[in-house]
C-alpha cells in the first residue's frame, strides 16, 4: 500500500474512533477494503502523531477524548 492509502485510512479510522471507541478487530472489519499492512501502518501513523489512545477496556479512541483512559496518577490522557 502506498503512503496515500495509509494517510487515507488513518483519516477514516481517526474519524471513526473519534465518534466511538473500537477494538482492533472492529477497525479491521469496518475498514476491510484496506489490507492488514495498510491498517497497521495507519494506526502506527496515528500513534506517532499522538492521536491514538485506548479506553480502559482496550478499545482504540482519540487521545484526550471523553472515552480515553486516564494515565495512572496523572489525571490526563
N, C-alpha and C. Protein backbone atom coordinates (compact mmCIF):
# COMPACT_ATOMS: atom_id res chain seq x y z
N UNK A 1 0.85 -1.20 0.00
CA UNK A 1 0.00 0.00 0.00
C UNK A 1 0.87 1.24 0.00
N UNK A 2 0.53 2.18 -0.83
CA UNK A 2 1.30 3.41 -0.92
C UNK A 2 0.99 4.35 0.23
N UNK A 3 1.85 5.35 0.41
CA UNK A 3 1.66 6.30 1.50
C UNK A 3 0.31 7.01 1.47
N UNK A 4 -0.22 7.28 0.28
CA UNK A 4 -1.52 7.96 0.19
C UNK A 4 -2.64 7.11 0.77
N UNK A 5 -2.58 5.79 0.53
CA UNK A 5 -3.59 4.88 1.08
C UNK A 5 -3.51 4.85 2.60
N UNK A 6 -2.29 4.89 3.15
CA UNK A 6 -2.11 4.87 4.60
C UNK A 6 -2.69 6.14 5.20
N UNK A 7 -2.40 7.29 4.60
CA UNK A 7 -2.94 8.57 5.08
C UNK A 7 -4.46 8.56 5.00
N UNK A 8 -4.99 8.07 3.89
CA UNK A 8 -6.45 7.99 3.72
C UNK A 8 -7.07 7.10 4.79
N UNK A 9 -6.48 5.92 5.00
CA UNK A 9 -7.01 5.00 6.00
C UNK A 9 -6.91 5.61 7.40
N UNK A 10 -5.79 6.27 7.71
CA UNK A 10 -5.61 6.88 9.03
C UNK A 10 -6.70 7.92 9.29
N UNK A 11 -7.01 8.72 8.28
CA UNK A 11 -8.05 9.74 8.43
C UNK A 11 -9.40 9.13 8.70
N UNK A 12 -9.74 8.07 7.97
CA UNK A 12 -11.03 7.41 8.15
C UNK A 12 -11.12 6.72 9.51
N UNK A 13 -10.03 6.07 9.90
CA UNK A 13 -10.00 5.39 11.20
C UNK A 13 -10.14 6.41 12.32
N UNK A 14 -9.41 7.52 12.22
CA UNK A 14 -9.47 8.54 13.27
C UNK A 14 -10.89 9.10 13.39
N UNK A 15 -11.53 9.37 12.27
CA UNK A 15 -12.90 9.88 12.30
C UNK A 15 -13.81 8.88 13.01
N UNK A 16 -13.63 7.60 12.74
CA UNK A 16 -14.47 6.57 13.36
C UNK A 16 -14.23 6.48 14.86
N UNK A 17 -12.96 6.50 15.28
CA UNK A 17 -12.69 6.33 16.71
C UNK A 17 -12.94 7.62 17.50
N UNK A 18 -13.03 8.75 16.81
CA UNK A 18 -13.45 9.98 17.49
C UNK A 18 -14.91 9.86 17.90
N UNK A 19 -15.71 9.22 17.05
CA UNK A 19 -17.15 9.08 17.30
C UNK A 19 -17.43 8.02 18.36
N UNK A 20 -16.70 6.92 18.31
CA UNK A 20 -16.90 5.83 19.26
C UNK A 20 -15.66 4.93 19.26
N UNK A 21 -15.20 4.52 20.44
CA UNK A 21 -14.03 3.65 20.51
C UNK A 21 -14.30 2.31 19.82
N UNK A 22 -13.25 1.75 19.24
CA UNK A 22 -13.37 0.47 18.54
C UNK A 22 -12.21 -0.44 18.92
N UNK A 23 -12.49 -1.73 19.05
CA UNK A 23 -11.42 -2.71 19.19
C UNK A 23 -10.72 -2.86 17.85
N UNK A 24 -9.46 -3.35 17.89
CA UNK A 24 -8.70 -3.51 16.65
C UNK A 24 -9.49 -4.34 15.64
N UNK A 25 -10.08 -5.44 16.10
CA UNK A 25 -10.82 -6.31 15.18
C UNK A 25 -11.98 -5.57 14.52
N UNK A 26 -12.64 -4.69 15.28
CA UNK A 26 -13.73 -3.90 14.70
C UNK A 26 -13.21 -2.94 13.64
N UNK A 27 -12.03 -2.36 13.89
CA UNK A 27 -11.41 -1.48 12.89
C UNK A 27 -11.07 -2.28 11.64
N UNK A 28 -10.46 -3.45 11.83
CA UNK A 28 -10.10 -4.29 10.68
C UNK A 28 -11.33 -4.69 9.88
N UNK A 29 -12.42 -5.02 10.58
CA UNK A 29 -13.66 -5.41 9.89
C UNK A 29 -14.29 -4.23 9.16
N UNK A 30 -14.36 -3.08 9.85
CA UNK A 30 -15.01 -1.90 9.26
C UNK A 30 -14.24 -1.37 8.06
N UNK A 31 -12.93 -1.50 8.10
CA UNK A 31 -12.09 -0.96 7.02
C UNK A 31 -11.44 -2.08 6.21
N UNK A 32 -12.21 -3.13 5.98
CA UNK A 32 -11.68 -4.31 5.28
C UNK A 32 -11.32 -4.04 3.82
N UNK A 33 -11.70 -2.88 3.31
CA UNK A 33 -11.28 -2.51 1.95
C UNK A 33 -9.76 -2.29 1.91
N UNK A 34 -9.16 -2.04 3.09
CA UNK A 34 -7.71 -1.88 3.19
C UNK A 34 -7.11 -3.19 3.67
N UNK A 35 -5.90 -3.50 3.21
CA UNK A 35 -5.25 -4.72 3.68
C UNK A 35 -4.67 -4.51 5.09
N UNK A 36 -4.26 -5.61 5.70
CA UNK A 36 -3.76 -5.58 7.07
C UNK A 36 -2.61 -4.59 7.23
N UNK A 37 -1.66 -4.62 6.31
CA UNK A 37 -0.49 -3.75 6.41
C UNK A 37 -0.90 -2.27 6.38
N UNK A 38 -1.84 -1.92 5.55
CA UNK A 38 -2.30 -0.52 5.47
C UNK A 38 -2.95 -0.09 6.78
N UNK A 39 -3.79 -0.95 7.34
CA UNK A 39 -4.44 -0.62 8.61
C UNK A 39 -3.39 -0.50 9.72
N UNK A 40 -2.46 -1.43 9.77
CA UNK A 40 -1.41 -1.39 10.79
C UNK A 40 -0.56 -0.12 10.65
N UNK A 41 -0.21 0.23 9.43
CA UNK A 41 0.60 1.44 9.22
C UNK A 41 -0.21 2.70 9.55
N UNK A 42 -1.50 2.69 9.26
CA UNK A 42 -2.36 3.83 9.58
C UNK A 42 -2.45 4.02 11.09
N UNK A 43 -2.62 2.92 11.83
CA UNK A 43 -2.66 3.01 13.28
C UNK A 43 -1.31 3.46 13.83
N UNK A 44 -0.23 2.98 13.23
CA UNK A 44 1.11 3.42 13.62
C UNK A 44 1.29 4.92 13.40
N UNK A 45 0.77 5.42 12.29
CA UNK A 45 0.85 6.85 11.98
C UNK A 45 0.08 7.66 13.03
N UNK A 46 -1.13 7.21 13.37
CA UNK A 46 -1.92 7.92 14.38
C UNK A 46 -1.21 7.89 15.73
N UNK A 47 -0.55 6.78 16.04
CA UNK A 47 0.20 6.68 17.29
C UNK A 47 1.37 7.67 17.29
N UNK A 48 2.12 7.70 16.20
CA UNK A 48 3.26 8.62 16.08
C UNK A 48 2.81 10.07 16.20
N UNK A 49 1.63 10.38 15.69
CA UNK A 49 1.09 11.74 15.75
C UNK A 49 0.44 12.03 17.10
N UNK A 50 0.52 11.05 18.00
CA UNK A 50 -0.05 11.15 19.34
C UNK A 50 -1.56 11.44 19.31
N UNK A 51 -2.24 10.85 18.33
CA UNK A 51 -3.69 11.00 18.21
C UNK A 51 -4.42 9.77 18.73
N UNK A 52 -3.69 8.67 18.91
CA UNK A 52 -4.30 7.40 19.25
C UNK A 52 -4.17 7.13 20.74
N UNK A 53 -5.24 6.65 21.33
CA UNK A 53 -5.24 6.30 22.75
C UNK A 53 -6.13 5.09 22.91
N UNK A 54 -6.28 4.61 24.14
CA UNK A 54 -7.15 3.47 24.39
C UNK A 54 -8.10 3.78 25.54
N UNK A 55 -9.22 3.08 25.50
CA UNK A 55 -10.15 3.14 26.62
C UNK A 55 -9.63 2.19 27.70
N UNK A 56 -10.24 2.25 28.86
CA UNK A 56 -9.86 1.34 29.94
C UNK A 56 -10.07 -0.12 29.53
N UNK A 57 -10.99 -0.37 28.60
CA UNK A 57 -11.28 -1.73 28.13
C UNK A 57 -10.36 -2.17 26.99
N UNK A 58 -9.51 -1.27 26.50
CA UNK A 58 -8.58 -1.63 25.43
C UNK A 58 -9.05 -1.30 24.02
N UNK A 59 -10.19 -0.59 23.91
CA UNK A 59 -10.62 -0.15 22.58
C UNK A 59 -9.82 1.09 22.19
N UNK A 60 -9.60 1.27 20.90
CA UNK A 60 -8.86 2.43 20.42
C UNK A 60 -9.78 3.64 20.34
N UNK A 61 -9.25 4.79 20.75
CA UNK A 61 -10.03 6.02 20.73
C UNK A 61 -9.09 7.19 20.47
N UNK A 62 -9.66 8.36 20.30
CA UNK A 62 -8.87 9.57 20.08
C UNK A 62 -8.28 10.02 21.41
N UNK A 63 -7.02 10.38 21.39
CA UNK A 63 -6.34 10.87 22.59
C UNK A 63 -7.07 12.11 23.11
N UNK A 64 -7.30 12.15 24.41
CA UNK A 64 -7.94 13.30 25.02
C UNK A 64 -9.45 13.31 24.89
N UNK A 65 -10.02 12.30 24.25
CA UNK A 65 -11.47 12.26 24.10
C UNK A 65 -12.13 11.85 25.41
N UNK A 66 -13.44 11.98 25.46
CA UNK A 66 -14.17 11.60 26.67
C UNK A 66 -14.08 10.10 26.94
N UNK A 67 -13.66 9.34 25.94
CA UNK A 67 -13.55 7.88 26.07
C UNK A 67 -12.18 7.45 26.60
N UNK A 68 -11.18 8.32 26.48
CA UNK A 68 -9.79 7.95 26.75
C UNK A 68 -9.57 7.57 28.20
N UNK A 69 -8.83 6.48 28.38
CA UNK A 69 -8.44 6.08 29.73
C UNK A 69 -7.44 7.10 30.27
N UNK A 70 -7.46 7.32 31.55
CA UNK A 70 -6.54 8.26 32.17
C UNK A 70 -5.26 7.54 32.58
N UNK A 71 -4.13 8.23 32.45
CA UNK A 71 -2.88 7.67 32.92
C UNK A 71 -2.92 7.61 34.45
N UNK A 72 -2.44 6.52 35.03
CA UNK A 72 -2.47 6.41 36.49
C UNK A 72 -1.72 7.57 37.15
N UNK A 73 -2.39 8.23 38.08
CA UNK A 73 -1.76 9.30 38.83
C UNK A 73 -1.63 10.62 38.14
N UNK A 74 -1.98 10.73 36.86
CA UNK A 74 -1.77 11.98 36.13
C UNK A 74 -3.05 12.80 35.99
N UNK A 75 -4.18 12.12 35.96
CA UNK A 75 -5.44 12.81 35.75
C UNK A 75 -5.67 13.24 34.31
N UNK A 76 -4.75 12.89 33.40
CA UNK A 76 -4.91 13.25 31.99
C UNK A 76 -4.68 12.05 31.09
N UNK A 77 -5.17 12.17 29.88
CA UNK A 77 -4.96 11.12 28.87
C UNK A 77 -3.72 11.44 28.09
